[in-house]
Amino acid sequence: MKSLSKVLFWLGILSIPFSWLAWFIAPALGPEVMSSISDPAMRAVMEEAHRERWGIYVGHWPPTLLILSYILEKKAG
């Protein structure tokens, strides 16, 4: 369980910059949907909303992985 704890810890640490990167590139993930919106203001709002939701979703990964790592470390210790 110690090795799994270490893997989860490092995945948690690595997912922090990944969360930021996912938030940054999120509007590029759905261009086919965004291209169907003709109003530029609405498109900007939708891109920002999509970016926020994706960032929140991905932002839950680091604490989850780090907490699981901590729990497994305590169980193994």
PDB file of N, CA and C in Angstrom:
ATOM      1  N   MET A   1       0.813  -1.198   0.000  1.00  0.00           N
ATOM      2  CA  MET A   1       0.000   0.000   0.000  1.00  0.00           C
ATOM      3  C   MET A   1       0.854   1.260   0.000  1.00  0.00           C
ATOM      4  N   LYS A   2       2.086   1.133   0.474  1.00  0.00           N
ATOM      5  CA  LYS A   2       2.973   2.301   0.481  1.00  0.00           C
ATOM      6  C   LYS A   2       3.266   2.782  -0.936  1.00  0.00           C
ATOM      7  N   SER A   3       3.466   1.830  -1.855  1.00  0.00           N
ATOM      8  CA  SER A   3       3.773   2.244  -3.229  1.00  0.00           C
ATOM      9  C   SER A   3       2.556   2.893  -3.881  1.00  0.00           C
ATOM     10  N   LEU A   4       1.360   2.370  -3.604  1.00  0.00           N
ATOM     11  CA  LEU A   4       0.146   2.993  -4.142  1.00  0.00           C
ATOM     12  C   LEU A   4      -0.031   4.388  -3.557  1.00  0.00           C
ATOM     13  N   SER A   5       0.282   4.543  -2.300  1.00  0.00           N
ATOM     14  CA  SER A   5       0.205   5.851  -1.658  1.00  0.00           C
ATOM     15  C   SER A   5       1.141   6.844  -2.335  1.00  0.00           C
ATOM     16  N   LYS A   6       2.349   6.401  -2.656  1.00  0.00           N
ATOM     17  CA  LYS A   6       3.312   7.278  -3.331  1.00  0.00           C
ATOM     18  C   LYS A   6       2.848   7.631  -4.740  1.00  0.00           C
ATOM     19  N   VAL A   7       2.287   6.648  -5.437  1.00  0.00           N
ATOM     20  CA  VAL A   7       1.779   6.903  -6.794  1.00  0.00           C
ATOM     21  C   VAL A   7       0.653   7.931  -6.739  1.00  0.00           C
ATOM     22  N   LEU A   8      -0.279   7.758  -5.805  1.00  0.00           N
ATOM     23  CA  LEU A   8      -1.383   8.709  -5.678  1.00  0.00           C
ATOM     24  C   LEU A   8      -0.876  10.094  -5.294  1.00  0.00           C
ATOM     25  N   PHE A   9       0.123  10.141  -4.430  1.00  0.00           N
ATOM     26  CA  PHE A   9       0.694  11.432  -4.037  1.00  0.00           C
ATOM     27  C   PHE A   9       1.266  12.158  -5.251  1.00  0.00           C
ATOM     28  N   TRP A  10       2.085  11.463  -6.043  1.00  0.00           N
ATOM     29  CA  TRP A  10       2.704  12.109  -7.198  1.00  0.00           C
ATOM     30  C   TRP A  10       1.686  12.444  -8.282  1.00  0.00           C
ATOM     31  N   LEU A  11       0.664  11.608  -8.429  1.00  0.00           N
ATOM     32  CA  LEU A  11      -0.404  11.955  -9.375  1.00  0.00           C
ATOM     33  C   LEU A  11      -1.136  13.212  -8.912  1.00  0.00           C
ATOM     34  N   GLY A  12      -1.340  13.333  -7.606  1.00  0.00           N
ATOM     35  CA  GLY A  12      -1.967  14.537  -7.061  1.00  0.00           C
ATOM     36  C   GLY A  12      -1.131  15.774  -7.314  1.00  0.00           C
ATOM     37  N   ILE A  13       0.179  15.656  -7.106  1.00  0.00           N
ATOM     38  CA  ILE A  13       1.079  16.790  -7.347  1.00  0.00           C
ATOM     39  C   ILE A  13       1.104  17.149  -8.836  1.00  0.00           C
ATOM     40  N   LEU A  14       1.181  16.140  -9.692  1.00  0.00           N
ATOM     41  CA  LEU A  14       1.226  16.396 -11.138  1.00  0.00           C
ATOM     42  C   LEU A  14      -0.095  16.919 -11.683  1.00  0.00           C
ATOM     43  N   SER A  15      -1.195  16.603 -11.019  1.00  0.00           N
ATOM     44  CA  SER A  15      -2.489  17.064 -11.520  1.00  0.00           C
ATOM     45  C   SER A  15      -2.733  18.542 -11.226  1.00  0.00           C
ATOM     46  N   ILE A  16      -1.918  19.157 -10.374  1.00  0.00           N
ATOM     47  CA  ILE A  16      -2.078  20.596 -10.106  1.00  0.00           C
ATOM     48  C   ILE A  16      -1.775  21.421 -11.359  1.00  0.00           C
ATOM     49  N   PRO A  17      -0.600  21.264 -11.999  1.00  0.00           N
ATOM     50  CA  PRO A  17      -0.393  22.023 -13.239  1.00  0.00           C
ATOM     51  C   PRO A  17      -1.325  21.564 -14.359  1.00  0.00           C
ATOM     52  N   PHE A  18      -1.705  20.291 -14.344  1.00  0.00           N
ATOM     53  CA  PHE A  18      -2.652  19.815 -15.353  1.00  0.00           C
ATOM     54  C   PHE A  18      -3.998  20.516 -15.200  1.00  0.00           C
ATOM     55  N   SER A  19      -4.419  20.776 -13.975  1.00  0.00           N
ATOM     56  CA  SER A  19      -5.673  21.494 -13.737  1.00  0.00           C
ATOM     57  C   SER A  19      -5.611  22.889 -14.342  1.00  0.00           C
ATOM     58  N   TRP A  20      -4.494  23.570 -14.131  1.00  0.00           N
ATOM     59  CA  TRP A  20      -4.338  24.904 -14.686  1.00  0.00           C
ATOM     60  C   TRP A  20      -4.324  24.851 -16.212  1.00  0.00           C
ATOM     61  N   LEU A  21      -3.610  23.886 -16.753  1.00  0.00           N
ATOM     62  CA  LEU A  21      -3.535  23.741 -18.202  1.00  0.00           C
ATOM     63  C   LEU A  21      -4.912  23.428 -18.791  1.00  0.00           C
ATOM     64  N   ALA A  22      -5.667  22.560 -18.138  1.00  0.00           N
ATOM     65  CA  ALA A  22      -7.007  22.219 -18.618  1.00  0.00           C
ATOM     66  C   ALA A  22      -7.916  23.439 -18.579  1.00  0.00           C
ATOM     67  N   TRP A  23      -7.789  24.256 -17.545  1.00  0.00           N
ATOM     68  CA  TRP A  23      -8.594  25.472 -17.472  1.00  0.00           C
ATOM     69  C   TRP A  23      -8.214  26.423 -18.601  1.00  0.00           C
ATOM     70  N   PHE A  24      -6.925  26.506 -18.904  1.00  0.00           N
ATOM     71  CA  PHE A  24      -6.434  27.426 -19.924  1.00  0.00           C
ATOM     72  C   PHE A  24      -6.878  27.025 -21.328  1.00  0.00           C
ATOM     73  N   ILE A  25      -6.864  25.717 -21.645  1.00  0.00           N
ATOM     74  CA  ILE A  25      -7.182  25.279 -23.007  1.00  0.00           C
ATOM     75  C   ILE A  25      -8.623  24.802 -23.156  1.00  0.00           C
ATOM     76  N   ALA A  26      -9.417  24.883 -22.110  1.00  0.00           N
ATOM     77  CA  ALA A  26     -10.783  24.351 -22.153  1.00  0.00           C
ATOM     78  C   ALA A  26     -11.634  24.902 -23.295  1.00  0.00           C
ATOM     79  N   PRO A  27     -11.580  26.205 -23.634  1.00  0.00           N
ATOM     80  CA  PRO A  27     -12.415  26.674 -24.739  1.00  0.00           C
ATOM     81  C   PRO A  27     -12.088  26.016 -26.070  1.00  0.00           C
ATOM     82  N   ALA A  28     -10.894  25.508 -26.237  1.00  0.00           N
ATOM     83  CA  ALA A  28     -10.517  24.852 -27.491  1.00  0.00           C
ATOM     84  C   ALA A  28     -11.066  23.432 -27.581  1.00  0.00           C
ATOM     85  N   LEU A  29     -11.670  22.936 -26.507  1.00  0.00           N
ATOM     86  CA  LEU A  29     -12.142  21.556 -26.504  1.00  0.00           C
ATOM     87  C   LEU A  29     -13.471  21.365 -27.229  1.00  0.00           C
ATOM     88  N   GLY A  30     -14.257  22.413 -27.380  1.00  0.00           N
ATOM     89  CA  GLY A  30     -15.559  22.260 -28.020  1.00  0.00           C
ATOM     90  C   GLY A  30     -15.809  23.245 -29.147  1.00  0.00           C
ATOM     91  N   PRO A  31     -14.900  23.362 -30.127  1.00  0.00           N
ATOM     92  CA  PRO A  31     -15.085  24.369 -31.173  1.00  0.00           C
ATOM     93  C   PRO A  31     -16.294  24.105 -32.065  1.00  0.00           C
ATOM     94  N   GLU A  32     -16.669  22.832 -32.230  1.00  0.00           N
ATOM     95  CA  GLU A  32     -17.823  22.557 -33.098  1.00  0.00           C
ATOM     96  C   GLU A  32     -19.112  23.095 -32.495  1.00  0.00           C
ATOM     97  N   VAL A  33     -19.208  23.095 -31.188  1.00  0.00           N
ATOM     98  CA  VAL A  33     -20.394  23.644 -30.524  1.00  0.00           C
ATOM     99  C   VAL A  33     -20.328  25.162 -30.528  1.00  0.00           C
ATOM    100  N   MET A  34     -19.169  25.699 -30.223  1.00  0.00           N
ATOM    101  CA  MET A  34     -19.020  27.151 -30.148  1.00  0.00           C
ATOM    102  C   MET A  34     -19.163  27.814 -31.517  1.00  0.00           C
ATOM    103  N   SER A  35     -18.806  27.124 -32.575  1.00  0.00           N
ATOM    104  CA  SER A  35     -18.909  27.724 -33.907  1.00  0.00           C
ATOM    105  C   SER A  35     -20.352  27.902 -34.348  1.00  0.00           C
ATOM    106  N   SER A  36     -21.272  27.159 -33.743  1.00  0.00           N
ATOM    107  CA  SER A  36     -22.682  27.300 -34.113  1.00  0.00           C
ATOM    108  C   SER A  36     -23.334  28.515 -33.461  1.00  0.00           C
ATOM    109  N   ILE A  37     -22.663  29.163 -32.517  1.00  0.00           N
ATOM    110  CA  ILE A  37     -23.195  30.361 -31.859  1.00  0.00           C
ATOM    111  C   ILE A  37     -22.740  31.572 -32.662  1.00  0.00           C
ATOM    112  N   SER A  38     -23.705  32.322 -33.195  1.00  0.00           N
ATOM    113  CA  SER A  38     -23.364  33.438 -34.076  1.00  0.00           C
ATOM    114  C   SER A  38     -23.080  34.736 -33.321  1.00  0.00           C
ATOM    115  N   ASP A  39     -23.668  34.916 -32.154  1.00  0.00           N
ATOM    116  CA  ASP A  39     -23.467  36.142 -31.380  1.00  0.00           C
ATOM    117  C   ASP A  39     -22.107  36.097 -30.672  1.00  0.00           C
ATOM    118  N   PRO A  40     -21.205  37.048 -30.960  1.00  0.00           N
ATOM    119  CA  PRO A  40     -19.867  37.010 -30.354  1.00  0.00           C
ATOM    120  C   PRO A  40     -19.884  37.142 -28.826  1.00  0.00           C
ATOM    121  N   ALA A  41     -20.784  37.964 -28.308  1.00  0.00           N
ATOM    122  CA  ALA A  41     -20.859  38.132 -26.850  1.00  0.00           C
ATOM    123  C   ALA A  41     -21.315  36.834 -26.189  1.00  0.00           C
ATOM    124  N   MET A  42     -22.305  36.186 -26.795  1.00  0.00           N
ATOM    125  CA  MET A  42     -22.800  34.919 -26.246  1.00  0.00           C
ATOM    126  C   MET A  42     -21.717  33.843 -26.329  1.00  0.00           C
ATOM    127  N   ARG A  43     -20.971  33.832 -27.423  1.00  0.00           N
ATOM    128  CA  ARG A  43     -19.892  32.856 -27.574  1.00  0.00           C
ATOM    129  C   ARG A  43     -18.827  33.060 -26.489  1.00  0.00           C
ATOM    130  N   ALA A  44     -18.478  34.316 -26.218  1.00  0.00           N
ATOM    131  CA  ALA A  44     -17.477  34.605 -25.182  1.00  0.00           C
ATOM    132  C   ALA A  44     -17.963  34.156 -23.810  1.00  0.00           C
ATOM    133  N   VAL A  45     -19.237  34.399 -23.524  1.00  0.00           N
ATOM    134  CA  VAL A  45     -19.805  33.983 -22.234  1.00  0.00           C
ATOM    135  C   VAL A  45     -19.827  32.464 -22.130  1.00  0.00           C
ATOM    136  N   MET A  46     -20.210  31.792 -23.205  1.00  0.00           N
ATOM    137  CA  MET A  46     -20.261  30.328 -23.187  1.00  0.00           C
ATOM    138  C   MET A  46     -18.861  29.722 -23.039  1.00  0.00           C
ATOM    139  N   GLU A  47     -17.869  30.308 -23.702  1.00  0.00           N
ATOM    140  CA  GLU A  47     -16.497  29.815 -23.565  1.00  0.00           C
ATOM    141  C   GLU A  47     -16.003  29.977 -22.130  1.00  0.00           C
ATOM    142  N   GLU A  48     -16.299  31.132 -21.537  1.00  0.00           N
ATOM    143  CA  GLU A  48     -15.876  31.367 -20.153  1.00  0.00           C
ATOM    144  C   GLU A  48     -16.576  30.411 -19.192  1.00  0.00           C
ATOM    145  N   ALA A  49     -17.869  30.185 -19.410  1.00  0.00           N
ATOM    146  CA  ALA A  49     -18.615  29.258 -18.547  1.00  0.00           C
ATOM    147  C   ALA A  49     -18.076  27.838 -18.686  1.00  0.00           C
ATOM    148  N   HIS A  50     -17.790  27.440 -19.919  1.00  0.00           N
ATOM    149  CA  HIS A  50     -17.234  26.102 -20.148  1.00  0.00           C
ATOM    150  C   HIS A  50     -15.873  25.978 -19.474  1.00  0.00           C
ATOM    151  N   ARG A  51     -15.055  26.999 -19.585  1.00  0.00           N
ATOM    152  CA  ARG A  51     -13.731  26.995 -18.965  1.00  0.00           C
ATOM    153  C   ARG A  51     -13.853  26.881 -17.444  1.00  0.00           C
ATOM    154  N   GLU A  52     -14.775  27.631 -16.862  1.00  0.00           N
ATOM    155  CA  GLU A  52     -14.958  27.588 -15.405  1.00  0.00           C
ATOM    156  C   GLU A  52     -15.413  26.204 -14.942  1.00  0.00           C
ATOM    157  N   ARG A  53     -16.408  25.644 -15.613  1.00  0.00           N
ATOM    158  CA  ARG A  53     -16.910  24.319 -15.211  1.00  0.00           C
ATOM    159  C   ARG A  53     -15.833  23.252 -15.357  1.00  0.00           C
ATOM    160  N   TRP A  54     -15.097  23.281 -16.444  1.00  0.00           N
ATOM    161  CA  TRP A  54     -14.044  22.290 -16.659  1.00  0.00           C
ATOM    162  C   TRP A  54     -12.935  22.455 -15.620  1.00  0.00           C
ATOM    163  N   GLY A  55     -12.582  23.697 -15.310  1.00  0.00           N
ATOM    164  CA  GLY A  55     -11.557  23.943 -14.301  1.00  0.00           C
ATOM    165  C   GLY A  55     -11.968  23.458 -12.922  1.00  0.00           C
ATOM    166  N   ILE A  56     -13.232  23.645 -12.569  1.00  0.00           N
ATOM    167  CA  ILE A  56     -13.722  23.160 -11.279  1.00  0.00           C
ATOM    168  C   ILE A  56     -13.695  21.640 -11.251  1.00  0.00           C
ATOM    169  N   TYR A  57     -14.137  21.010 -12.336  1.00  0.00           N
ATOM    170  CA  TYR A  57     -14.145  19.545 -12.399  1.00  0.00           C
ATOM    171  C   TYR A  57     -12.733  18.986 -12.253  1.00  0.00           C
ATOM    172  N   VAL A  58     -11.817  19.490 -13.045  1.00  0.00           N
ATOM    173  CA  VAL A  58     -10.443  18.996 -13.012  1.00  0.00           C
ATOM    174  C   VAL A  58      -9.747  19.429 -11.720  1.00  0.00           C
ATOM    175  N   GLY A  59     -10.156  20.555 -11.159  1.00  0.00           N
ATOM    176  CA  GLY A  59      -9.567  21.052  -9.921  1.00  0.00           C
ATOM    177  C   GLY A  59      -9.833  20.177  -8.713  1.00  0.00           C
ATOM    178  N   HIS A  60     -10.794  19.283  -8.810  1.00  0.00           N
ATOM    179  CA  HIS A  60     -11.060  18.360  -7.707  1.00  0.00           C
ATOM    180  C   HIS A  60     -10.084  17.188  -7.684  1.00  0.00           C
ATOM    181  N   TRP A  61      -9.372  16.949  -8.762  1.00  0.00           N
ATOM    182  CA  TRP A  61      -8.456  15.814  -8.811  1.00  0.00           C
ATOM    183  C   TRP A  61      -7.315  15.918  -7.805  1.00  0.00           C
ATOM    184  N   PRO A  62      -6.591  17.055  -7.715  1.00  0.00           N
ATOM    185  CA  PRO A  62      -5.453  17.099  -6.786  1.00  0.00           C
ATOM    186  C   PRO A  62      -5.824  16.792  -5.332  1.00  0.00           C
ATOM    187  N   PRO A  63      -6.844  17.469  -4.761  1.00  0.00           N
ATOM    188  CA  PRO A  63      -7.134  17.150  -3.358  1.00  0.00           C
ATOM    189  C   PRO A  63      -7.615  15.717  -3.167  1.00  0.00           C
ATOM    190  N   THR A  64      -8.371  15.204  -4.123  1.00  0.00           N
ATOM    191  CA  THR A  64      -8.855  13.826  -4.004  1.00  0.00           C
ATOM    192  C   THR A  64      -7.687  12.844  -3.984  1.00  0.00           C
ATOM    193  N   LEU A  65      -6.772  12.998  -4.914  1.00  0.00           N
ATOM    194  CA  LEU A  65      -5.626  12.090  -4.977  1.00  0.00           C
ATOM    195  C   LEU A  65      -4.719  12.242  -3.757  1.00  0.00           C
ATOM    196  N   LEU A  66      -4.524  13.471  -3.304  1.00  0.00           N
ATOM    197  CA  LEU A  66      -3.668  13.685  -2.140  1.00  0.00           C
ATOM    198  C   LEU A  66      -4.306  13.139  -0.866  1.00  0.00           C
ATOM    199  N   ILE A  67      -5.614  13.276  -0.727  1.00  0.00           N
ATOM    200  CA  ILE A  67      -6.305  12.727   0.446  1.00  0.00           C
ATOM    201  C   ILE A  67      -6.269  11.201   0.422  1.00  0.00           C
ATOM    202  N   LEU A  68      -6.502  10.607  -0.743  1.00  0.00           N
ATOM    203  CA  LEU A  68      -6.404   9.147  -0.843  1.00  0.00           C
ATOM    204  C   LEU A  68      -4.992   8.667  -0.508  1.00  0.00           C
ATOM    205  N   SER A  69      -3.994   9.401  -0.953  1.00  0.00           N
ATOM    206  CA  SER A  69      -2.616   9.059  -0.627  1.00  0.00           C
ATOM    207  C   SER A  69      -2.397   9.103   0.880  1.00  0.00           C
ATOM    208  N   TYR A  70      -2.921  10.115   1.519  1.00  0.00           N
ATOM    209  CA  TYR A  70      -2.777  10.259   2.973  1.00  0.00           C
ATOM    210  C   TYR A  70      -3.470   9.111   3.709  1.00  0.00           C
ATOM    211  N   ILE A  71      -4.673   8.769   3.282  1.00  0.00           N
ATOM    212  CA  ILE A  71      -5.423   7.685   3.929  1.00  0.00           C
ATOM    213  C   ILE A  71      -4.676   6.357   3.794  1.00  0.00           C
ATOM    214  N   LEU A  72      -4.196   6.062   2.597  1.00  0.00           N
ATOM    215  CA  LEU A  72      -3.459   4.810   2.397  1.00  0.00           C
ATOM    216  C   LEU A  72      -2.148   4.791   3.179  1.00  0.00           C
ATOM    217  N   GLU A  73      -1.505   5.934   3.282  1.00  0.00           N
ATOM    218  CA  GLU A  73      -0.265   6.018   4.063  1.00  0.00           C
ATOM    219  C   GLU A  73      -0.540   5.710   5.536  1.00  0.00           C
ATOM    220  N   LYS A  74      -1.634   6.238   6.056  1.00  0.00           N
ATOM    221  CA  LYS A  74      -1.990   5.994   7.461  1.00  0.00           C
ATOM    222  C   LYS A  74      -2.376   4.532   7.691  1.00  0.00           C
ATOM    223  N   LYS A  75      -3.078   3.931   6.719  1.00  0.00           N
ATOM    224  CA  LYS A  75      -3.463   2.520   6.855  1.00  0.00           C
ATOM    225  C   LYS A  75      -2.243   1.604   6.808  1.00  0.00           C
ATOM    226  N   ALA A  76      -1.284   1.952   5.963  1.00  0.00           N
ATOM    227  CA  ALA A  76      -0.092   1.113   5.814  1.00  0.00           C
ATOM    228  C   ALA A  76       0.884   1.307   6.973  1.00  0.00           C
ATOM    229  N   GLY A  77       0.830   2.486   7.592  1.00  0.00           N
ATOM    230  CA  GLY A  77       1.814   2.837   8.608  1.00  0.00           C
ATOM    231  C   GLY A  77       1.582   2.213   9.916  1.00  0.00           C
TER     232      GLY A  77
END
